[in-house]
Amino acid sequence: LVELMREGVRNNRIDTVRPEHLPEAMGRPPRKDDHGGEVYVYRRANLPCHICGTEIRTADLVSRNLFWCPRCQPT
């Protein structure tokens, strides 16, 4: 995340996905969403994780939606 932030400052933009995980690099279609940008787990409940293939989980916490990969982001 720290390196992504440095890269974002250099490029004058916010990137939330490492270059090696972009759709072009992974051979998958880009995300189509009103909010734009690539993400690892946000709004991807029940879909496979781009990194490990585990199903993305979601939960509600204080009226906020949480999204995570149980393998890549264990509790």
PDB file of N, CA and C in Angstrom:
ATOM      1  N   LEU A   1       0.834  -1.198   0.000  1.00  0.00           N
ATOM      2  CA  LEU A   1       0.000   0.000   0.000  1.00  0.00           C
ATOM      3  C   LEU A   1       0.874   1.256   0.000  1.00  0.00           C
ATOM      4  N   VAL A   2       1.935   1.233   0.782  1.00  0.00           N
ATOM      5  CA  VAL A   2       2.822   2.400   0.832  1.00  0.00           C
ATOM      6  C   VAL A   2       3.412   2.674  -0.546  1.00  0.00           C
ATOM      7  N   GLU A   3       3.865   1.624  -1.225  1.00  0.00           N
ATOM      8  CA  GLU A   3       4.432   1.807  -2.566  1.00  0.00           C
ATOM      9  C   GLU A   3       3.374   2.307  -3.550  1.00  0.00           C
ATOM     10  N   LEU A   4       2.133   1.798  -3.426  1.00  0.00           N
ATOM     11  CA  LEU A   4       1.061   2.281  -4.300  1.00  0.00           C
ATOM     12  C   LEU A   4       0.807   3.769  -4.080  1.00  0.00           C
ATOM     13  N   MET A   5       0.895   4.211  -2.830  1.00  0.00           N
ATOM     14  CA  MET A   5       0.686   5.633  -2.535  1.00  0.00           C
ATOM     15  C   MET A   5       1.807   6.473  -3.149  1.00  0.00           C
ATOM     16  N   ARG A   6       3.047   6.001  -3.030  1.00  0.00           N
ATOM     17  CA  ARG A   6       4.174   6.730  -3.640  1.00  0.00           C
ATOM     18  C   ARG A   6       3.996   6.820  -5.155  1.00  0.00           C
ATOM     19  N   GLU A   7       3.611   5.706  -5.752  1.00  0.00           N
ATOM     20  CA  GLU A   7       3.377   5.675  -7.193  1.00  0.00           C
ATOM     21  C   GLU A   7       2.258   6.641  -7.575  1.00  0.00           C
ATOM     22  N   GLY A   8       1.206   6.683  -6.752  1.00  0.00           N
ATOM     23  CA  GLY A   8       0.092   7.588  -6.994  1.00  0.00           C
ATOM     24  C   GLY A   8       0.514   9.046  -6.965  1.00  0.00           C
ATOM     25  N   VAL A   9       1.388   9.391  -6.029  1.00  0.00           N
ATOM     26  CA  VAL A   9       1.898  10.759  -5.953  1.00  0.00           C
ATOM     27  C   VAL A   9       2.704  11.071  -7.212  1.00  0.00           C
ATOM     28  N   ARG A  10       3.551  10.133  -7.631  1.00  0.00           N
ATOM     29  CA  ARG A  10       4.353  10.340  -8.848  1.00  0.00           C
ATOM     30  C   ARG A  10       3.462  10.514 -10.078  1.00  0.00           C
ATOM     31  N   ASN A  11       2.390   9.720 -10.147  1.00  0.00           N
ATOM     32  CA  ASN A  11       1.512   9.725 -11.322  1.00  0.00           C
ATOM     33  C   ASN A  11       0.328  10.674 -11.199  1.00  0.00           C
ATOM     34  N   ASN A  12       0.213  11.348 -10.045  1.00  0.00           N
ATOM     35  CA  ASN A  12      -0.886  12.271  -9.785  1.00  0.00           C
ATOM     36  C   ASN A  12      -2.243  11.583  -9.893  1.00  0.00           C
ATOM     37  N   ARG A  13      -2.345  10.371  -9.321  1.00  0.00           N
ATOM     38  CA  ARG A  13      -3.605   9.624  -9.312  1.00  0.00           C
ATOM     39  C   ARG A  13      -3.571   8.594  -8.188  1.00  0.00           C
ATOM     40  N   ILE A  14      -4.723   8.090  -7.835  1.00  0.00           N
ATOM     41  CA  ILE A  14      -4.818   7.075  -6.792  1.00  0.00           C
ATOM     42  C   ILE A  14      -5.001   5.719  -7.454  1.00  0.00           C
ATOM     43  N   ASP A  15      -4.060   4.828  -7.230  1.00  0.00           N
ATOM     44  CA  ASP A  15      -4.154   3.458  -7.726  1.00  0.00           C
ATOM     45  C   ASP A  15      -4.315   2.536  -6.529  1.00  0.00           C
ATOM     46  N   THR A  16      -5.279   1.634  -6.607  1.00  0.00           N
ATOM     47  CA  THR A  16      -5.515   0.722  -5.488  1.00  0.00           C
ATOM     48  C   THR A  16      -5.131  -0.710  -5.810  1.00  0.00           C
ATOM     49  N   VAL A  17      -4.610  -0.934  -7.006  1.00  0.00           N
ATOM     50  CA  VAL A  17      -4.218  -2.276  -7.428  1.00  0.00           C
ATOM     51  C   VAL A  17      -2.808  -2.203  -8.008  1.00  0.00           C
ATOM     52  N   ARG A  18      -1.957  -3.121  -7.606  1.00  0.00           N
ATOM     53  CA  ARG A  18      -0.592  -3.163  -8.142  1.00  0.00           C
ATOM     54  C   ARG A  18      -0.624  -3.407  -9.646  1.00  0.00           C
ATOM     55  N   PRO A  19       0.351  -2.875 -10.375  1.00  0.00           N
ATOM     56  CA  PRO A  19       0.372  -3.035 -11.836  1.00  0.00           C
ATOM     57  C   PRO A  19       0.262  -4.494 -12.288  1.00  0.00           C
ATOM     58  N   GLU A  20       0.880  -5.400 -11.575  1.00  0.00           N
ATOM     59  CA  GLU A  20       0.828  -6.815 -11.974  1.00  0.00           C
ATOM     60  C   GLU A  20      -0.549  -7.446 -11.788  1.00  0.00           C
ATOM     61  N   HIS A  21      -1.462  -6.735 -11.098  1.00  0.00           N
ATOM     62  CA  HIS A  21      -2.812  -7.248 -10.884  1.00  0.00           C
ATOM     63  C   HIS A  21      -3.864  -6.506 -11.700  1.00  0.00           C
ATOM     64  N   LEU A  22      -3.437  -5.624 -12.584  1.00  0.00           N
ATOM     65  CA  LEU A  22      -4.380  -4.938 -13.467  1.00  0.00           C
ATOM     66  C   LEU A  22      -4.982  -5.941 -14.451  1.00  0.00           C
ATOM     67  N   PRO A  23      -6.173  -5.664 -14.956  1.00  0.00           N
ATOM     68  CA  PRO A  23      -6.835  -6.604 -15.865  1.00  0.00           C
ATOM     69  C   PRO A  23      -5.967  -7.016 -17.052  1.00  0.00           C
ATOM     70  N   GLU A  24      -5.279  -6.045 -17.651  1.00  0.00           N
ATOM     71  CA  GLU A  24      -4.444  -6.348 -18.814  1.00  0.00           C
ATOM     72  C   GLU A  24      -3.348  -7.351 -18.464  1.00  0.00           C
ATOM     73  N   ALA A  25      -2.735  -7.175 -17.308  1.00  0.00           N
ATOM     74  CA  ALA A  25      -1.647  -8.064 -16.886  1.00  0.00           C
ATOM     75  C   ALA A  25      -2.155  -9.456 -16.532  1.00  0.00           C
ATOM     76  N   MET A  26      -3.400  -9.537 -16.054  1.00  0.00           N
ATOM     77  CA  MET A  26      -3.950 -10.823 -15.619  1.00  0.00           C
ATOM     78  C   MET A  26      -4.844 -11.474 -16.667  1.00  0.00           C
ATOM     79  N   GLY A  27      -5.021 -10.804 -17.808  1.00  0.00           N
ATOM     80  CA  GLY A  27      -5.828 -11.380 -18.874  1.00  0.00           C
ATOM     81  C   GLY A  27      -7.307 -11.484 -18.551  1.00  0.00           C
ATOM     82  N   ARG A  28      -7.835 -10.482 -17.839  1.00  0.00           N
ATOM     83  CA  ARG A  28      -9.259 -10.470 -17.509  1.00  0.00           C
ATOM     84  C   ARG A  28      -9.862  -9.135 -17.934  1.00  0.00           C
ATOM     85  N   PRO A  29     -11.187  -9.093 -18.097  1.00  0.00           N
ATOM     86  CA  PRO A  29     -11.806  -7.820 -18.492  1.00  0.00           C
ATOM     87  C   PRO A  29     -11.730  -6.790 -17.362  1.00  0.00           C
ATOM     88  N   PRO A  30     -11.696  -5.499 -17.695  1.00  0.00           N
ATOM     89  CA  PRO A  30     -11.663  -4.461 -16.663  1.00  0.00           C
ATOM     90  C   PRO A  30     -12.982  -4.388 -15.903  1.00  0.00           C
ATOM     91  N   ARG A  31     -12.918  -3.830 -14.727  1.00  0.00           N
ATOM     92  CA  ARG A  31     -14.091  -3.659 -13.875  1.00  0.00           C
ATOM     93  C   ARG A  31     -15.024  -2.640 -14.510  1.00  0.00           C
ATOM     94  N   LYS A  32     -16.308  -2.952 -14.517  1.00  0.00           N
ATOM     95  CA  LYS A  32     -17.310  -2.007 -15.010  1.00  0.00           C
ATOM     96  C   LYS A  32     -18.191  -1.632 -13.826  1.00  0.00           C
ATOM     97  N   ASP A  33     -18.028  -0.406 -13.344  1.00  0.00           N
ATOM     98  CA  ASP A  33     -18.710   0.033 -12.139  1.00  0.00           C
ATOM     99  C   ASP A  33     -18.824   1.552 -12.196  1.00  0.00           C
ATOM    100  N   ASP A  34     -19.904   2.091 -11.666  1.00  0.00           N
ATOM    101  CA  ASP A  34     -20.098   3.543 -11.652  1.00  0.00           C
ATOM    102  C   ASP A  34     -18.989   4.266 -10.897  1.00  0.00           C
ATOM    103  N   HIS A  35     -18.347   3.560  -9.956  1.00  0.00           N
ATOM    104  CA  HIS A  35     -17.310   4.180  -9.136  1.00  0.00           C
ATOM    105  C   HIS A  35     -15.935   4.091  -9.788  1.00  0.00           C
ATOM    106  N   GLY A  36     -15.808   3.280 -10.815  1.00  0.00           N
ATOM    107  CA  GLY A  36     -14.565   3.180 -11.576  1.00  0.00           C
ATOM    108  C   GLY A  36     -13.399   2.610 -10.796  1.00  0.00           C
ATOM    109  N   GLY A  37     -12.309   2.427 -11.491  1.00  0.00           N
ATOM    110  CA  GLY A  37     -11.088   1.946 -10.860  1.00  0.00           C
ATOM    111  C   GLY A  37     -11.107   0.458 -10.553  1.00  0.00           C
ATOM    112  N   GLU A  38      -9.934  -0.108 -10.471  1.00  0.00           N
ATOM    113  CA  GLU A  38      -9.798  -1.521 -10.134  1.00  0.00           C
ATOM    114  C   GLU A  38      -9.681  -1.679  -8.625  1.00  0.00           C
ATOM    115  N   VAL A  39     -10.228  -2.753  -8.120  1.00  0.00           N
ATOM    116  CA  VAL A  39     -10.183  -3.042  -6.691  1.00  0.00           C
ATOM    117  C   VAL A  39      -9.920  -4.527  -6.491  1.00  0.00           C
ATOM    118  N   TYR A  40      -9.395  -4.865  -5.322  1.00  0.00           N
ATOM    119  CA  TYR A  40      -9.183  -6.272  -5.000  1.00  0.00           C
ATOM    120  C   TYR A  40     -10.468  -6.923  -4.486  1.00  0.00           C
ATOM    121  N   VAL A  41     -11.172  -6.269  -3.564  1.00  0.00           N
ATOM    122  CA  VAL A  41     -12.343  -6.907  -2.961  1.00  0.00           C
ATOM    123  C   VAL A  41     -13.594  -6.036  -2.907  1.00  0.00           C
ATOM    124  N   TYR A  42     -13.465  -4.719  -2.921  1.00  0.00           N
ATOM    125  CA  TYR A  42     -14.612  -3.825  -2.740  1.00  0.00           C
ATOM    126  C   TYR A  42     -15.706  -4.109  -3.766  1.00  0.00           C
ATOM    127  N   ARG A  43     -16.921  -4.309  -3.258  1.00  0.00           N
ATOM    128  CA  ARG A  43     -18.111  -4.606  -4.070  1.00  0.00           C
ATOM    129  C   ARG A  43     -17.955  -5.864  -4.924  1.00  0.00           C
ATOM    130  N   ARG A  44     -17.158  -6.815  -4.441  1.00  0.00           N
ATOM    131  CA  ARG A  44     -16.937  -8.055  -5.187  1.00  0.00           C
ATOM    132  C   ARG A  44     -17.384  -9.271  -4.377  1.00  0.00           C
ATOM    133  N   ALA A  45     -18.358  -9.098  -3.487  1.00  0.00           N
ATOM    134  CA  ALA A  45     -18.847 -10.202  -2.651  1.00  0.00           C
ATOM    135  C   ALA A  45     -19.226 -11.408  -3.499  1.00  0.00           C
ATOM    136  N   ASN A  46     -18.832 -12.577  -3.031  1.00  0.00           N
ATOM    137  CA  ASN A  46     -19.133 -13.875  -3.645  1.00  0.00           C
ATOM    138  C   ASN A  46     -18.379 -14.135  -4.951  1.00  0.00           C
ATOM    139  N   LEU A  47     -17.537 -13.218  -5.368  1.00  0.00           N
ATOM    140  CA  LEU A  47     -16.713 -13.430  -6.560  1.00  0.00           C
ATOM    141  C   LEU A  47     -15.347 -13.954  -6.124  1.00  0.00           C
ATOM    142  N   PRO A  48     -14.611 -14.586  -7.026  1.00  0.00           N
ATOM    143  CA  PRO A  48     -13.292 -15.091  -6.641  1.00  0.00           C
ATOM    144  C   PRO A  48     -12.268 -13.963  -6.483  1.00  0.00           C
ATOM    145  N   CYS A  49     -11.412 -14.109  -5.502  1.00  0.00           N
ATOM    146  CA  CYS A  49     -10.309 -13.172  -5.281  1.00  0.00           C
ATOM    147  C   CYS A  49      -9.410 -13.188  -6.516  1.00  0.00           C
ATOM    148  N   HIS A  50      -8.970 -12.011  -6.960  1.00  0.00           N
ATOM    149  CA  HIS A  50      -8.093 -11.918  -8.132  1.00  0.00           C
ATOM    150  C   HIS A  50      -6.728 -12.547  -7.863  1.00  0.00           C
ATOM    151  N   ILE A  51      -6.339 -12.646  -6.604  1.00  0.00           N
ATOM    152  CA  ILE A  51      -5.013 -13.155  -6.264  1.00  0.00           C
ATOM    153  C   ILE A  51      -5.014 -14.662  -6.030  1.00  0.00           C
ATOM    154  N   CYS A  52      -5.947 -15.147  -5.198  1.00  0.00           N
ATOM    155  CA  CYS A  52      -5.899 -16.564  -4.811  1.00  0.00           C
ATOM    156  C   CYS A  52      -7.111 -17.380  -5.254  1.00  0.00           C
ATOM    157  N   GLY A  53      -8.178 -16.722  -5.706  1.00  0.00           N
ATOM    158  CA  GLY A  53      -9.362 -17.441  -6.167  1.00  0.00           C
ATOM    159  C   GLY A  53     -10.393 -17.757  -5.099  1.00  0.00           C
ATOM    160  N   THR A  54     -10.088 -17.469  -3.837  1.00  0.00           N
ATOM    161  CA  THR A  54     -11.035 -17.704  -2.747  1.00  0.00           C
ATOM    162  C   THR A  54     -12.214 -16.739  -2.867  1.00  0.00           C
ATOM    163  N   GLU A  55     -13.398 -17.192  -2.500  1.00  0.00           N
ATOM    164  CA  GLU A  55     -14.592 -16.347  -2.591  1.00  0.00           C
ATOM    165  C   GLU A  55     -14.503 -15.159  -1.640  1.00  0.00           C
ATOM    166  N   ILE A  56     -14.772 -13.965  -2.169  1.00  0.00           N
ATOM    167  CA  ILE A  56     -14.770 -12.737  -1.373  1.00  0.00           C
ATOM    168  C   ILE A  56     -15.974 -12.760  -0.442  1.00  0.00           C
ATOM    169  N   ARG A  57     -15.746 -12.396   0.804  1.00  0.00           N
ATOM    170  CA  ARG A  57     -16.827 -12.355   1.798  1.00  0.00           C
ATOM    171  C   ARG A  57     -17.219 -10.912   2.086  1.00  0.00           C
ATOM    172  N   THR A  58     -18.414 -10.772   2.642  1.00  0.00           N
ATOM    173  CA  THR A  58     -18.905  -9.452   3.012  1.00  0.00           C
ATOM    174  C   THR A  58     -19.638  -9.547   4.341  1.00  0.00           C
ATOM    175  N   ALA A  59     -19.659  -8.435   5.063  1.00  0.00           N
ATOM    176  CA  ALA A  59     -20.375  -8.351   6.336  1.00  0.00           C
ATOM    177  C   ALA A  59     -20.718  -6.887   6.580  1.00  0.00           C
ATOM    178  N   ASP A  60     -21.690  -6.674   7.435  1.00  0.00           N
ATOM    179  CA  ASP A  60     -22.102  -5.328   7.815  1.00  0.00           C
ATOM    180  C   ASP A  60     -21.467  -4.993   9.160  1.00  0.00           C
ATOM    181  N   LEU A  61     -20.901  -3.809   9.278  1.00  0.00           N
ATOM    182  CA  LEU A  61     -20.324  -3.353  10.540  1.00  0.00           C
ATOM    183  C   LEU A  61     -20.701  -1.889  10.719  1.00  0.00           C
ATOM    184  N   VAL A  62     -21.550  -1.632  11.701  1.00  0.00           N
ATOM    185  CA  VAL A  62     -22.010  -0.278  11.993  1.00  0.00           C
ATOM    186  C   VAL A  62     -22.514   0.402  10.711  1.00  0.00           C
ATOM    187  N   SER A  63     -23.412  -0.287  10.031  1.00  0.00           N
ATOM    188  CA  SER A  63     -24.044   0.209   8.806  1.00  0.00           C
ATOM    189  C   SER A  63     -23.070   0.453   7.650  1.00  0.00           C
ATOM    190  N   ARG A  64     -21.911  -0.176   7.708  1.00  0.00           N
ATOM    191  CA  ARG A  64     -20.941  -0.099   6.613  1.00  0.00           C
ATOM    192  C   ARG A  64     -20.726  -1.504   6.060  1.00  0.00           C
ATOM    193  N   ASN A  65     -20.514  -1.615   4.766  1.00  0.00           N
ATOM    194  CA  ASN A  65     -20.234  -2.911   4.159  1.00  0.00           C
ATOM    195  C   ASN A  65     -18.738  -3.179   4.167  1.00  0.00           C
ATOM    196  N   LEU A  66     -18.370  -4.345   4.667  1.00  0.00           N
ATOM    197  CA  LEU A  66     -16.973  -4.777   4.647  1.00  0.00           C
ATOM    198  C   LEU A  66     -16.819  -5.864   3.600  1.00  0.00           C
ATOM    199  N   PHE A  67     -15.710  -5.872   2.911  1.00  0.00           N
ATOM    200  CA  PHE A  67     -15.405  -6.897   1.919  1.00  0.00           C
ATOM    201  C   PHE A  67     -13.984  -7.371   2.189  1.00  0.00           C
ATOM    202  N   TRP A  68     -13.748  -8.698   2.125  1.00  0.00           N
ATOM    203  CA  TRP A  68     -12.405  -9.213   2.346  1.00  0.00           C
ATOM    204  C   TRP A  68     -12.247 -10.605   1.755  1.00  0.00           C
ATOM    205  N   CYS A  69     -11.003 -10.963   1.517  1.00  0.00           N
ATOM    206  CA  CYS A  69     -10.661 -12.316   1.090  1.00  0.00           C
ATOM    207  C   CYS A  69     -10.183 -13.057   2.332  1.00  0.00           C
ATOM    208  N   PRO A  70     -10.857 -14.134   2.724  1.00  0.00           N
ATOM    209  CA  PRO A  70     -10.464 -14.840   3.941  1.00  0.00           C
ATOM    210  C   PRO A  70      -9.074 -15.478   3.865  1.00  0.00           C
ATOM    211  N   ARG A  71      -8.563 -15.717   2.677  1.00  0.00           N
ATOM    212  CA  ARG A  71      -7.217 -16.287   2.562  1.00  0.00           C
ATOM    213  C   ARG A  71      -6.145 -15.189   2.566  1.00  0.00           C
ATOM    214  N   CYS A  72      -6.336 -14.156   1.773  1.00  0.00           N
ATOM    215  CA  CYS A  72      -5.339 -13.082   1.679  1.00  0.00           C
ATOM    216  C   CYS A  72      -5.390 -12.119   2.861  1.00  0.00           C
ATOM    217  N   GLN A  73      -6.561 -12.010   3.503  1.00  0.00           N
ATOM    218  CA  GLN A  73      -6.748 -11.074   4.611  1.00  0.00           C
ATOM    219  C   GLN A  73      -7.341 -11.805   5.814  1.00  0.00           C
ATOM    220  N   PRO A  74      -6.618 -12.765   6.376  1.00  0.00           N
ATOM    221  CA  PRO A  74      -7.174 -13.513   7.509  1.00  0.00           C
ATOM    222  C   PRO A  74      -7.357 -12.614   8.737  1.00  0.00           C
ATOM    223  N   THR A  75      -8.278 -13.013   9.597  1.00  0.00           N
ATOM    224  CA  THR A  75      -8.536 -12.211  10.805  1.00  0.00           C
ATOM    225  C   THR A  75      -7.461 -12.403  11.835  1.00  0.00           C
TER     226      THR A  75
END
